[in-house]
Amino acid sequence: MDTSLDKRNYIVDILKIMACFFVFRIHMGWGSASYVRILSQFVECAVPIFIFLTSYNYTQSCLKSGATTLKQLYSFESLAKKFFRLIVPYLVFAIVQLILILTLKPGYKWGNVAISMLGGGYGPGNYYLVLMFQVILIFPLLYYFNKKRPVVTWFVCLIFYFAYNIFMTFVFPDDPHNVTTVGGIIYKWTVFRFVFLLDSGIYFCLNRDKIKIYHLLILILADLIPFILSLTTSLPTIYARGIPNNFFVISIVGICLKLFKNASFGKLNGAIAYLGKATWHIFLFQQLYFWLIGILGWRLGFGYLSFPICFFGGLLFYTVHTAISKAAKAKKQAR
């Protein structure tokens, strides 16, 4: 077994933490300054960063476990572990949000509340839970084919990605990235727009020694064309942001993973790993926070104080959850 698989790549944790702050900035809204289009283009890479790194981490796990067949990859133990990590923190989030709905009485219909809670709750980024469930289910299939035919699988996913985007803009000409439309809901809540990114995370992890920095630099140069067009023309958002962001994430995150694969930060390693593990809790806390200030009519809330509020609030959530989980496990073992 490759011994490098046992070493934690702290740059993965740092990128996840950075993506959390990108999420905070997105949900604070954008002004009208001239630099906003360029800045927002990079910041809105947050979810693609999470998707790519999730695929990369899942691939690492598969390599460690030695799973290769579909039966092994779709084993109950493997899937249950991934679902459990998402569901338990979400259930806490859902209970807190239900209590706030009962207390604040924002006028929601209970039928809609039930549907919302099953689909990720209220608040910005509520689609992410459903998206991750789909990622968990489709990942083993992509991994299986990558082990068999990596290059063919990568190109098939690339063609599918472009075909899907063209299809969506043809069927929903009002721009499927608009979440107020049927096309926008389908586009945002389904994993299809991230299939190529998921596959790229797998391909990169499996072939990280073969992929060179200049390969990723070429990808950045190729990405400049849609990026420049997005700044100078009125392309639909799906082309102006979605496609450039995905390629940008593959190249930039790939370069970071290559350059800093053996990076160590001394005494900070433990803290960085801890924060990296807390990112799902941080994401859920910011969703609750921005939803709450929205129904209270506080607009952007506390301005840039939203950054430390969301970050440390989510970190506290993770710390408490971890402490309770450890205590429950210790109690169970003591019986």
C-alpha atoms as a PDB file:
ATOM      1  CA  MET A   1       0.000   0.000   0.000  1.00  0.00           C
ATOM      2  CA  ASP A   2       1.163   3.544  -0.743  1.00  0.00           C
ATOM      3  CA  THR A   3       2.363   4.913   2.594  1.00  0.00           C
ATOM      4  CA  SER A   4       1.543   8.466   1.463  1.00  0.00           C
ATOM      5  CA  LEU A   5      -2.127   7.552   1.853  1.00  0.00           C
ATOM      6  CA  ASP A   6      -1.641   7.426   5.621  1.00  0.00           C
ATOM      7  CA  LYS A   7      -0.294  10.985   5.720  1.00  0.00           C
ATOM      8  CA  ARG A   8      -2.832  13.773   6.135  1.00  0.00           C
ATOM      9  CA  ASN A   9      -2.701  16.398   3.403  1.00  0.00           C
ATOM     10  CA  TYR A  10      -3.210  19.576   5.395  1.00  0.00           C
ATOM     11  CA  ILE A  11      -3.659  21.670   2.288  1.00  0.00           C
ATOM     12  CA  VAL A  12      -7.001  19.860   1.795  1.00  0.00           C
ATOM     13  CA  ASP A  13      -8.136  21.138   5.201  1.00  0.00           C
ATOM     14  CA  ILE A  14      -6.895  24.661   4.426  1.00  0.00           C
ATOM     15  CA  LEU A  15      -8.751  24.713   1.095  1.00  0.00           C
ATOM     16  CA  LYS A  16     -11.953  23.526   2.801  1.00  0.00           C
ATOM     17  CA  ILE A  17     -11.642  26.246   5.440  1.00  0.00           C
ATOM     18  CA  MET A  18     -11.026  28.837   2.719  1.00  0.00           C
ATOM     19  CA  ALA A  19     -14.109  27.607   0.838  1.00  0.00           C
ATOM     20  CA  CYS A  20     -16.180  28.131   4.014  1.00  0.00           C
ATOM     21  CA  PHE A  21     -15.176  31.801   4.061  1.00  0.00           C
ATOM     22  CA  PHE A  22     -16.069  32.019   0.364  1.00  0.00           C
ATOM     23  CA  VAL A  23     -19.539  30.702   1.265  1.00  0.00           C
ATOM     24  CA  PHE A  24     -19.909  33.381   3.962  1.00  0.00           C
ATOM     25  CA  ARG A  25     -19.010  36.085   1.442  1.00  0.00           C
ATOM     26  CA  ILE A  26     -21.434  34.778  -1.181  1.00  0.00           C
ATOM     27  CA  HIS A  27     -24.327  34.739   1.277  1.00  0.00           C
ATOM     28  CA  MET A  28     -23.572  38.260   2.465  1.00  0.00           C
ATOM     29  CA  GLY A  29     -24.487  39.495  -1.015  1.00  0.00           C
ATOM     30  CA  TRP A  30     -22.520  41.579  -3.468  1.00  0.00           C
ATOM     31  CA  GLY A  31     -22.297  45.316  -3.967  1.00  0.00           C
ATOM     32  CA  SER A  32     -22.103  47.133  -7.286  1.00  0.00           C
ATOM     33  CA  ALA A  33     -18.403  48.056  -7.286  1.00  0.00           C
ATOM     34  CA  SER A  34     -16.470  47.492 -10.512  1.00  0.00           C
ATOM     35  CA  TYR A  35     -14.249  44.807  -8.995  1.00  0.00           C
ATOM     36  CA  VAL A  36     -17.230  42.696  -7.938  1.00  0.00           C
ATOM     37  CA  ARG A  37     -17.542  40.629 -11.134  1.00  0.00           C
ATOM     38  CA  ILE A  38     -13.930  39.492 -10.943  1.00  0.00           C
ATOM     39  CA  LEU A  39     -13.980  38.900  -7.175  1.00  0.00           C
ATOM     40  CA  SER A  40     -17.285  37.046  -7.226  1.00  0.00           C
ATOM     41  CA  GLN A  41     -16.040  34.831 -10.058  1.00  0.00           C
ATOM     42  CA  PHE A  42     -13.365  33.416  -7.750  1.00  0.00           C
ATOM     43  CA  VAL A  43     -15.390  33.384  -4.537  1.00  0.00           C
ATOM     44  CA  GLU A  44     -18.243  31.486  -6.179  1.00  0.00           C
ATOM     45  CA  CYS A  45     -15.869  28.558  -6.645  1.00  0.00           C
ATOM     46  CA  ALA A  46     -16.746  27.560  -3.058  1.00  0.00           C
ATOM     47  CA  VAL A  47     -19.073  24.621  -3.781  1.00  0.00           C
ATOM     48  CA  PRO A  48     -16.954  23.323  -6.698  1.00  0.00           C
ATOM     49  CA  ILE A  49     -13.954  23.304  -4.296  1.00  0.00           C
ATOM     50  CA  PHE A  50     -15.934  21.236  -1.781  1.00  0.00           C
ATOM     51  CA  ILE A  51     -17.098  18.819  -4.500  1.00  0.00           C
ATOM     52  CA  PHE A  52     -13.614  18.317  -5.946  1.00  0.00           C
ATOM     53  CA  LEU A  53     -12.044  17.785  -2.513  1.00  0.00           C
ATOM     54  CA  THR A  54     -14.848  15.415  -1.465  1.00  0.00           C
ATOM     55  CA  SER A  55     -14.184  13.298  -4.536  1.00  0.00           C
ATOM     56  CA  TYR A  56     -10.447  13.419  -3.837  1.00  0.00           C
ATOM     57  CA  ASN A  57     -10.923  12.356  -0.197  1.00  0.00           C
ATOM     58  CA  TYR A  58     -13.381   9.575  -1.088  1.00  0.00           C
ATOM     59  CA  THR A  59     -10.829   8.255  -3.593  1.00  0.00           C
ATOM     60  CA  GLN A  60      -8.165   8.248  -0.883  1.00  0.00           C
ATOM     61  CA  SER A  61     -10.517   6.232   1.329  1.00  0.00           C
ATOM     62  CA  CYS A  62     -11.160   3.696  -1.430  1.00  0.00           C
ATOM     63  CA  LEU A  63      -7.446   3.271  -2.049  1.00  0.00           C
ATOM     64  CA  LYS A  64      -6.843   2.700   1.668  1.00  0.00           C
ATOM     65  CA  SER A  65      -9.651   0.158   1.965  1.00  0.00           C
ATOM     66  CA  GLY A  66      -8.663  -1.640  -1.235  1.00  0.00           C
ATOM     67  CA  ALA A  67     -12.269  -1.660  -2.500  1.00  0.00           C
ATOM     68  CA  THR A  68     -12.417  -2.248  -6.263  1.00  0.00           C
ATOM     69  CA  THR A  69     -15.661  -4.063  -7.110  1.00  0.00           C
ATOM     70  CA  LEU A  70     -19.054  -2.373  -7.214  1.00  0.00           C
ATOM     71  CA  LYS A  71     -20.210  -4.685  -4.424  1.00  0.00           C
ATOM     72  CA  GLN A  72     -17.383  -3.471  -2.200  1.00  0.00           C
ATOM     73  CA  LEU A  73     -17.785   0.174  -3.210  1.00  0.00           C
ATOM     74  CA  TYR A  74     -21.532   0.085  -2.570  1.00  0.00           C
ATOM     75  CA  SER A  75     -21.225  -1.864   0.686  1.00  0.00           C
ATOM     76  CA  PHE A  76     -23.663  -0.871   3.394  1.00  0.00           C
ATOM     77  CA  GLU A  77     -20.834  -0.050   5.807  1.00  0.00           C
ATOM     78  CA  SER A  78     -19.140   2.297   3.342  1.00  0.00           C
ATOM     79  CA  LEU A  79     -22.300   4.177   2.353  1.00  0.00           C
ATOM     80  CA  ALA A  80     -23.721   4.286   5.885  1.00  0.00           C
ATOM     81  CA  LYS A  81     -20.567   5.895   7.256  1.00  0.00           C
ATOM     82  CA  LYS A  82     -20.719   8.705   4.691  1.00  0.00           C
ATOM     83  CA  PHE A  83     -24.454   9.293   5.149  1.00  0.00           C
ATOM     84  CA  PHE A  84     -24.128   9.197   8.943  1.00  0.00           C
ATOM     85  CA  ARG A  85     -21.500  11.967   8.926  1.00  0.00           C
ATOM     86  CA  LEU A  86     -23.925  14.215   7.075  1.00  0.00           C
ATOM     87  CA  ILE A  87     -27.211  13.275   8.697  1.00  0.00           C
ATOM     88  CA  VAL A  88     -26.378  13.515  12.419  1.00  0.00           C
ATOM     89  CA  PRO A  89     -25.203  17.172  12.342  1.00  0.00           C
ATOM     90  CA  TYR A  90     -28.077  17.998   9.998  1.00  0.00           C
ATOM     91  CA  LEU A  91     -30.646  16.537  12.408  1.00  0.00           C
ATOM     92  CA  VAL A  92     -29.347  18.884  15.123  1.00  0.00           C
ATOM     93  CA  PHE A  93     -29.572  21.775  12.665  1.00  0.00           C
ATOM     94  CA  ALA A  94     -33.143  20.764  11.694  1.00  0.00           C
ATOM     95  CA  ILE A  95     -34.297  20.533  15.321  1.00  0.00           C
ATOM     96  CA  VAL A  96     -32.880  23.984  16.126  1.00  0.00           C
ATOM     97  CA  GLN A  97     -34.466  25.451  13.002  1.00  0.00           C
ATOM     98  CA  LEU A  98     -37.853  23.901  13.859  1.00  0.00           C
ATOM     99  CA  ILE A  99     -37.661  25.398  17.360  1.00  0.00           C
ATOM    100  CA  LEU A 100     -36.905  28.818  15.843  1.00  0.00           C
ATOM    101  CA  ILE A 101     -39.830  28.455  13.407  1.00  0.00           C
ATOM    102  CA  LEU A 102     -42.169  27.630  16.307  1.00  0.00           C
ATOM    103  CA  THR A 103     -40.799  30.568  18.311  1.00  0.00           C
ATOM    104  CA  LEU A 104     -40.602  33.256  15.623  1.00  0.00           C
ATOM    105  CA  LYS A 105     -43.671  32.121  13.620  1.00  0.00           C
ATOM    106  CA  PRO A 106     -42.490  33.350  10.190  1.00  0.00           C
ATOM    107  CA  GLY A 107     -45.757  32.220   8.586  1.00  0.00           C
ATOM    108  CA  TYR A 108     -44.520  29.031   6.917  1.00  0.00           C
ATOM    109  CA  LYS A 109     -47.052  26.350   6.000  1.00  0.00           C
ATOM    110  CA  TRP A 110     -46.291  23.138   7.873  1.00  0.00           C
ATOM    111  CA  GLY A 111     -46.552  21.047   4.733  1.00  0.00           C
ATOM    112  CA  ASN A 112     -43.819  23.181   3.161  1.00  0.00           C
ATOM    113  CA  VAL A 113     -41.774  23.002   6.359  1.00  0.00           C
ATOM    114  CA  ALA A 114     -41.866  19.191   6.304  1.00  0.00           C
ATOM    115  CA  ILE A 115     -40.788  19.083   2.655  1.00  0.00           C
ATOM    116  CA  SER A 116     -38.075  21.646   3.296  1.00  0.00           C
ATOM    117  CA  MET A 117     -36.651  19.738   6.247  1.00  0.00           C
ATOM    118  CA  LEU A 118     -36.457  16.570   4.170  1.00  0.00           C
ATOM    119  CA  GLY A 119     -34.588  18.498   1.488  1.00  0.00           C
ATOM    120  CA  GLY A 120     -31.983  20.398   3.503  1.00  0.00           C
ATOM    121  CA  GLY A 121     -33.941  22.901   5.568  1.00  0.00           C
ATOM    122  CA  TYR A 122     -34.231  26.655   5.063  1.00  0.00           C
ATOM    123  CA  GLY A 123     -31.412  29.038   4.315  1.00  0.00           C
ATOM    124  CA  PRO A 124     -28.765  29.672   1.657  1.00  0.00           C
ATOM    125  CA  GLY A 125     -26.989  26.501   0.589  1.00  0.00           C
ATOM    126  CA  ASN A 126     -29.886  24.266   1.645  1.00  0.00           C
ATOM    127  CA  TYR A 127     -29.475  22.240  -1.566  1.00  0.00           C
ATOM    128  CA  TYR A 128     -26.039  21.016  -0.461  1.00  0.00           C
ATOM    129  CA  LEU A 129     -27.291  18.129   1.696  1.00  0.00           C
ATOM    130  CA  VAL A 130     -29.336  16.639  -1.155  1.00  0.00           C
ATOM    131  CA  LEU A 131     -26.427  17.250  -3.512  1.00  0.00           C
ATOM    132  CA  MET A 132     -24.043  15.369  -1.229  1.00  0.00           C
ATOM    133  CA  PHE A 133     -26.419  12.406  -0.959  1.00  0.00           C
ATOM    134  CA  GLN A 134     -26.265  12.153  -4.757  1.00  0.00           C
ATOM    135  CA  VAL A 135     -22.477  12.495  -4.693  1.00  0.00           C
ATOM    136  CA  ILE A 136     -22.235   9.560  -2.263  1.00  0.00           C
ATOM    137  CA  LEU A 137     -24.402   7.406  -4.544  1.00  0.00           C
ATOM    138  CA  ILE A 138     -22.721   8.255  -7.851  1.00  0.00           C
ATOM    139  CA  PHE A 139     -19.102   8.323  -6.639  1.00  0.00           C
ATOM    140  CA  PRO A 140     -18.581   4.500  -6.451  1.00  0.00           C
ATOM    141  CA  LEU A 141     -19.670   4.134 -10.074  1.00  0.00           C
ATOM    142  CA  LEU A 142     -17.283   6.846 -11.275  1.00  0.00           C
ATOM    143  CA  TYR A 143     -14.470   5.389  -9.182  1.00  0.00           C
ATOM    144  CA  TYR A 144     -15.087   1.907 -10.589  1.00  0.00           C
ATOM    145  CA  PHE A 145     -14.859   3.099 -14.200  1.00  0.00           C
ATOM    146  CA  ASN A 146     -11.834   5.262 -13.430  1.00  0.00           C
ATOM    147  CA  LYS A 147      -9.997   2.182 -12.210  1.00  0.00           C
ATOM    148  CA  LYS A 148     -10.926   0.397 -15.445  1.00  0.00           C
ATOM    149  CA  ARG A 149     -10.707   3.120 -18.100  1.00  0.00           C
ATOM    150  CA  PRO A 150      -9.556   6.417 -16.523  1.00  0.00           C
ATOM    151  CA  VAL A 151      -8.962   8.482 -19.672  1.00  0.00           C
ATOM    152  CA  VAL A 152     -12.123   7.242 -21.411  1.00  0.00           C
ATOM    153  CA  THR A 153     -14.193   7.909 -18.292  1.00  0.00           C
ATOM    154  CA  TRP A 154     -12.750  11.429 -17.967  1.00  0.00           C
ATOM    155  CA  PHE A 155     -13.607  12.307 -21.574  1.00  0.00           C
ATOM    156  CA  VAL A 156     -17.081  10.760 -21.328  1.00  0.00           C
ATOM    157  CA  CYS A 157     -17.777  12.867 -18.235  1.00  0.00           C
ATOM    158  CA  LEU A 158     -16.391  15.960 -19.989  1.00  0.00           C
ATOM    159  CA  ILE A 159     -18.666  15.416 -22.998  1.00  0.00           C
ATOM    160  CA  PHE A 160     -21.624  14.720 -20.704  1.00  0.00           C
ATOM    161  CA  TYR A 161     -20.898  17.905 -18.767  1.00  0.00           C
ATOM    162  CA  PHE A 162     -20.976  20.119 -21.860  1.00  0.00           C
ATOM    163  CA  ALA A 163     -23.955  18.264 -23.337  1.00  0.00           C
ATOM    164  CA  TYR A 164     -25.909  18.641 -20.094  1.00  0.00           C
ATOM    165  CA  ASN A 165     -25.214  22.376 -19.888  1.00  0.00           C
ATOM    166  CA  ILE A 166     -26.200  22.899 -23.529  1.00  0.00           C
ATOM    167  CA  PHE A 167     -29.355  20.829 -23.011  1.00  0.00           C
ATOM    168  CA  MET A 168     -30.348  22.818 -19.919  1.00  0.00           C
ATOM    169  CA  THR A 169     -29.909  26.173 -21.630  1.00  0.00           C
ATOM    170  CA  PHE A 170     -31.840  24.911 -24.659  1.00  0.00           C
ATOM    171  CA  VAL A 171     -34.767  23.540 -22.627  1.00  0.00           C
ATOM    172  CA  PHE A 172     -34.713  26.420 -20.112  1.00  0.00           C
ATOM    173  CA  PRO A 173     -33.601  29.466 -22.131  1.00  0.00           C
ATOM    174  CA  ASP A 174     -34.230  31.822 -19.194  1.00  0.00           C
ATOM    175  CA  ASP A 175     -30.918  30.522 -17.766  1.00  0.00           C
ATOM    176  CA  PRO A 176     -31.080  27.338 -15.668  1.00  0.00           C
ATOM    177  CA  HIS A 177     -28.773  28.938 -13.098  1.00  0.00           C
ATOM    178  CA  ASN A 178     -31.692  31.148 -12.026  1.00  0.00           C
ATOM    179  CA  VAL A 179     -32.989  29.385  -8.887  1.00  0.00           C
ATOM    180  CA  THR A 180     -36.428  30.992  -9.202  1.00  0.00           C
ATOM    181  CA  THR A 181     -37.203  28.889 -12.278  1.00  0.00           C
ATOM    182  CA  VAL A 182     -37.940  25.191 -12.757  1.00  0.00           C
ATOM    183  CA  GLY A 183     -34.714  24.836 -14.715  1.00  0.00           C
ATOM    184  CA  GLY A 184     -32.783  26.550 -11.951  1.00  0.00           C
ATOM    185  CA  ILE A 185     -34.179  24.213  -9.305  1.00  0.00           C
ATOM    186  CA  ILE A 186     -33.339  21.117 -11.372  1.00  0.00           C
ATOM    187  CA  TYR A 187     -29.876  22.434 -12.212  1.00  0.00           C
ATOM    188  CA  LYS A 188     -28.958  23.435  -8.671  1.00  0.00           C
ATOM    189  CA  TRP A 189     -30.385  20.447  -6.804  1.00  0.00           C
ATOM    190  CA  THR A 190     -29.048  17.656  -9.018  1.00  0.00           C
ATOM    191  CA  VAL A 191     -25.518  16.303  -9.188  1.00  0.00           C
ATOM    192  CA  PHE A 192     -25.298  16.251 -12.992  1.00  0.00           C
ATOM    193  CA  ARG A 193     -23.596  19.650 -13.194  1.00  0.00           C
ATOM    194  CA  PHE A 194     -20.797  18.289 -11.000  1.00  0.00           C
ATOM    195  CA  VAL A 195     -20.237  14.878 -12.629  1.00  0.00           C
ATOM    196  CA  PHE A 196     -17.159  16.094 -14.506  1.00  0.00           C
ATOM    197  CA  LEU A 197     -15.756  17.768 -11.376  1.00  0.00           C
ATOM    198  CA  LEU A 198     -16.339  14.593  -9.346  1.00  0.00           C
ATOM    199  CA  ASP A 199     -14.621  12.493 -11.971  1.00  0.00           C
ATOM    200  CA  SER A 200     -11.728  14.946 -12.140  1.00  0.00           C
ATOM    201  CA  GLY A 201     -11.205  14.624  -8.387  1.00  0.00           C
ATOM    202  CA  ILE A 202     -11.000  10.837  -8.768  1.00  0.00           C
ATOM    203  CA  TYR A 203      -8.769  11.030 -11.842  1.00  0.00           C
ATOM    204  CA  PHE A 204      -6.429  13.514 -10.177  1.00  0.00           C
ATOM    205  CA  CYS A 205      -6.061  11.405  -7.032  1.00  0.00           C
ATOM    206  CA  LEU A 206      -5.423   8.182  -8.968  1.00  0.00           C
ATOM    207  CA  ASN A 207      -2.939   9.830 -11.346  1.00  0.00           C
ATOM    208  CA  ARG A 208      -1.436  12.560  -9.152  1.00  0.00           C
ATOM    209  CA  ASP A 209       2.132  11.395  -9.833  1.00  0.00           C
ATOM    210  CA  LYS A 210       1.578  11.359 -13.596  1.00  0.00           C
ATOM    211  CA  ILE A 211      -0.137  14.752 -13.760  1.00  0.00           C
ATOM    212  CA  LYS A 212       2.422  17.556 -13.974  1.00  0.00           C
ATOM    213  CA  ILE A 213       2.118  21.193 -12.944  1.00  0.00           C
ATOM    214  CA  TYR A 214       2.370  22.343 -16.573  1.00  0.00           C
ATOM    215  CA  HIS A 215      -0.693  20.222 -17.448  1.00  0.00           C
ATOM    216  CA  LEU A 216      -2.697  22.225 -14.911  1.00  0.00           C
ATOM    217  CA  LEU A 217      -1.191  25.518 -16.092  1.00  0.00           C
ATOM    218  CA  ILE A 218      -2.360  24.721 -19.626  1.00  0.00           C
ATOM    219  CA  LEU A 219      -5.837  24.134 -18.213  1.00  0.00           C
ATOM    220  CA  ILE A 220      -5.728  27.576 -16.584  1.00  0.00           C
ATOM    221  CA  LEU A 221      -4.782  29.194 -19.902  1.00  0.00           C
ATOM    222  CA  ALA A 222      -7.638  27.365 -21.635  1.00  0.00           C
ATOM    223  CA  ASP A 223      -9.957  28.558 -18.881  1.00  0.00           C
ATOM    224  CA  LEU A 224      -9.024  32.190 -19.555  1.00  0.00           C
ATOM    225  CA  ILE A 225     -11.148  32.192 -22.723  1.00  0.00           C
ATOM    226  CA  PRO A 226     -14.562  31.578 -21.062  1.00  0.00           C
ATOM    227  CA  PHE A 227     -13.425  33.656 -18.072  1.00  0.00           C
ATOM    228  CA  ILE A 228     -12.668  36.722 -20.220  1.00  0.00           C
ATOM    229  CA  LEU A 229     -15.896  36.195 -22.164  1.00  0.00           C
ATOM    230  CA  SER A 230     -17.789  36.093 -18.869  1.00  0.00           C
ATOM    231  CA  LEU A 231     -16.423  39.526 -17.965  1.00  0.00           C
ATOM    232  CA  THR A 232     -16.925  41.156 -21.354  1.00  0.00           C
ATOM    233  CA  THR A 233     -20.175  39.633 -22.621  1.00  0.00           C
ATOM    234  CA  SER A 234     -23.643  38.808 -21.306  1.00  0.00           C
ATOM    235  CA  LEU A 235     -23.322  35.028 -21.497  1.00  0.00           C
ATOM    236  CA  PRO A 236     -25.873  33.005 -19.510  1.00  0.00           C
ATOM    237  CA  THR A 237     -24.637  32.433 -15.953  1.00  0.00           C
ATOM    238  CA  ILE A 238     -24.245  28.722 -16.643  1.00  0.00           C
ATOM    239  CA  TYR A 239     -21.464  29.535 -19.141  1.00  0.00           C
ATOM    240  CA  ALA A 240     -20.165  32.720 -17.531  1.00  0.00           C
ATOM    241  CA  ARG A 241     -19.623  31.177 -14.103  1.00  0.00           C
ATOM    242  CA  GLY A 242     -20.390  27.453 -13.961  1.00  0.00           C
ATOM    243  CA  ILE A 243     -18.020  26.183 -16.644  1.00  0.00           C
ATOM    244  CA  PRO A 244     -15.067  28.542 -15.950  1.00  0.00           C
ATOM    245  CA  ASN A 245     -15.327  27.914 -12.206  1.00  0.00           C
ATOM    246  CA  ASN A 246     -15.174  24.138 -12.578  1.00  0.00           C
ATOM    247  CA  PHE A 247     -12.056  24.216 -14.751  1.00  0.00           C
ATOM    248  CA  PHE A 248     -10.488  26.867 -12.546  1.00  0.00           C
ATOM    249  CA  VAL A 249     -11.017  24.705  -9.450  1.00  0.00           C
ATOM    250  CA  ILE A 250      -9.521  21.619 -11.115  1.00  0.00           C
ATOM    251  CA  SER A 251      -6.399  23.550 -12.103  1.00  0.00           C
ATOM    252  CA  ILE A 252      -5.829  25.739  -9.013  1.00  0.00           C
ATOM    253  CA  VAL A 253      -6.793  23.125  -6.414  1.00  0.00           C
ATOM    254  CA  GLY A 254      -4.792  20.547  -8.367  1.00  0.00           C
ATOM    255  CA  ILE A 255      -1.710  22.790  -8.304  1.00  0.00           C
ATOM    256  CA  CYS A 256      -2.111  23.335  -4.537  1.00  0.00           C
ATOM    257  CA  LEU A 257      -2.405  19.594  -3.942  1.00  0.00           C
ATOM    258  CA  LYS A 258       0.721  18.988  -6.039  1.00  0.00           C
ATOM    259  CA  LEU A 259       2.872  21.747  -4.562  1.00  0.00           C
ATOM    260  CA  PHE A 260       1.914  21.242  -0.915  1.00  0.00           C
ATOM    261  CA  LYS A 261       1.252  17.493  -0.746  1.00  0.00           C
ATOM    262  CA  ASN A 262       3.924  17.045   1.937  1.00  0.00           C
ATOM    263  CA  ALA A 263       3.384  20.402   3.639  1.00  0.00           C
ATOM    264  CA  SER A 264       3.597  20.449   7.419  1.00  0.00           C
ATOM    265  CA  PHE A 265       2.744  23.375   9.640  1.00  0.00           C
ATOM    266  CA  GLY A 266       4.375  22.111  12.800  1.00  0.00           C
ATOM    267  CA  LYS A 267       2.315  22.652  15.928  1.00  0.00           C
ATOM    268  CA  LEU A 268      -0.554  24.001  13.804  1.00  0.00           C
ATOM    269  CA  ASN A 269      -1.151  20.634  12.104  1.00  0.00           C
ATOM    270  CA  GLY A 270      -3.592  19.455  14.762  1.00  0.00           C
ATOM    271  CA  ALA A 271      -5.575  22.697  14.689  1.00  0.00           C
ATOM    272  CA  ILE A 272      -5.740  22.715  10.878  1.00  0.00           C
ATOM    273  CA  ALA A 273      -6.976  19.109  10.796  1.00  0.00           C
ATOM    274  CA  TYR A 274      -9.563  19.893  13.477  1.00  0.00           C
ATOM    275  CA  LEU A 275     -10.885  22.885  11.529  1.00  0.00           C
ATOM    276  CA  GLY A 276     -10.966  20.834   8.335  1.00  0.00           C
ATOM    277  CA  LYS A 277     -13.160  18.237  10.028  1.00  0.00           C
ATOM    278  CA  ALA A 278     -15.493  20.977  11.276  1.00  0.00           C
ATOM    279  CA  THR A 279     -16.368  22.434   7.860  1.00  0.00           C
ATOM    280  CA  TRP A 280     -19.731  20.617   7.518  1.00  0.00           C
ATOM    281  CA  HIS A 281     -20.829  21.965  10.907  1.00  0.00           C
ATOM    282  CA  ILE A 282     -19.590  25.431   9.937  1.00  0.00           C
ATOM    283  CA  PHE A 283     -21.571  25.233   6.696  1.00  0.00           C
ATOM    284  CA  LEU A 284     -24.750  24.265   8.553  1.00  0.00           C
ATOM    285  CA  PHE A 285     -24.279  27.044  11.109  1.00  0.00           C
ATOM    286  CA  GLN A 286     -23.890  29.706   8.420  1.00  0.00           C
ATOM    287  CA  GLN A 287     -27.041  28.395   6.711  1.00  0.00           C
ATOM    288  CA  LEU A 288     -28.963  28.803   9.958  1.00  0.00           C
ATOM    289  CA  TYR A 289     -27.401  32.221  10.643  1.00  0.00           C
ATOM    290  CA  PHE A 290     -28.173  33.774   7.248  1.00  0.00           C
ATOM    291  CA  TRP A 291     -31.686  32.290   7.278  1.00  0.00           C
ATOM    292  CA  LEU A 292     -32.309  33.729  10.736  1.00  0.00           C
ATOM    293  CA  ILE A 293     -31.133  37.263   9.940  1.00  0.00           C
ATOM    294  CA  GLY A 294     -33.200  37.060   6.765  1.00  0.00           C
ATOM    295  CA  ILE A 295     -36.508  36.339   8.493  1.00  0.00           C
ATOM    296  CA  LEU A 296     -35.662  38.930  11.160  1.00  0.00           C
ATOM    297  CA  GLY A 297     -35.184  41.511   8.401  1.00  0.00           C
ATOM    298  CA  TRP A 298     -31.598  42.350   9.281  1.00  0.00           C
ATOM    299  CA  ARG A 299     -30.486  42.192   5.634  1.00  0.00           C
ATOM    300  CA  LEU A 300     -26.730  41.573   5.816  1.00  0.00           C
ATOM    301  CA  GLY A 301     -26.793  40.965   9.542  1.00  0.00           C
ATOM    302  CA  PHE A 302     -23.677  42.236  11.288  1.00  0.00           C
ATOM    303  CA  GLY A 303     -21.627  42.995   8.186  1.00  0.00           C
ATOM    304  CA  TYR A 304     -18.167  41.499   8.216  1.00  0.00           C
ATOM    305  CA  LEU A 305     -18.717  40.295  11.769  1.00  0.00           C
ATOM    306  CA  SER A 306     -20.684  37.553  10.029  1.00  0.00           C
ATOM    307  CA  PHE A 307     -17.341  35.924   9.202  1.00  0.00           C
ATOM    308  CA  PRO A 308     -16.252  35.211  12.807  1.00  0.00           C
ATOM    309  CA  ILE A 309     -19.862  34.593  13.916  1.00  0.00           C
ATOM    310  CA  CYS A 310     -20.353  31.828  11.324  1.00  0.00           C
ATOM    311  CA  PHE A 311     -16.867  30.400  11.695  1.00  0.00           C
ATOM    312  CA  PHE A 312     -16.695  30.192  15.488  1.00  0.00           C
ATOM    313  CA  GLY A 313     -20.391  29.319  15.780  1.00  0.00           C
ATOM    314  CA  GLY A 314     -19.865  26.336  13.480  1.00  0.00           C
ATOM    315  CA  LEU A 315     -16.670  25.411  15.296  1.00  0.00           C
ATOM    316  CA  LEU A 316     -18.507  25.429  18.623  1.00  0.00           C
ATOM    317  CA  PHE A 317     -21.229  23.255  17.077  1.00  0.00           C
ATOM    318  CA  TYR A 318     -18.591  20.726  15.958  1.00  0.00           C
ATOM    319  CA  THR A 319     -16.788  20.792  19.322  1.00  0.00           C
ATOM    320  CA  VAL A 320     -19.973  20.122  21.281  1.00  0.00           C
ATOM    321  CA  HIS A 321     -21.080  17.409  18.847  1.00  0.00           C
ATOM    322  CA  THR A 322     -17.676  15.707  19.031  1.00  0.00           C
ATOM    323  CA  ALA A 323     -17.614  15.843  22.838  1.00  0.00           C
ATOM    324  CA  ILE A 324     -21.109  14.324  23.113  1.00  0.00           C
ATOM    325  CA  SER A 325     -20.249  11.615  20.554  1.00  0.00           C
ATOM    326  CA  LYS A 326     -17.071  10.651  22.415  1.00  0.00           C
ATOM    327  CA  ALA A 327     -18.897  10.549  25.754  1.00  0.00           C
ATOM    328  CA  ALA A 328     -21.659   8.374  24.304  1.00  0.00           C
ATOM    329  CA  LYS A 329     -19.099   6.025  22.728  1.00  0.00           C
ATOM    330  CA  ALA A 330     -17.140   5.752  25.985  1.00  0.00           C
ATOM    331  CA  LYS A 331     -20.330   5.016  27.915  1.00  0.00           C
ATOM    332  CA  LYS A 332     -21.302   2.314  25.428  1.00  0.00           C
ATOM    333  CA  GLN A 333     -17.876   0.648  25.652  1.00  0.00           C
ATOM    334  CA  ALA A 334     -18.001   0.742  29.451  1.00  0.00           C
ATOM    335  CA  ARG A 335     -21.147  -1.398  29.541  1.00  0.00           C
END
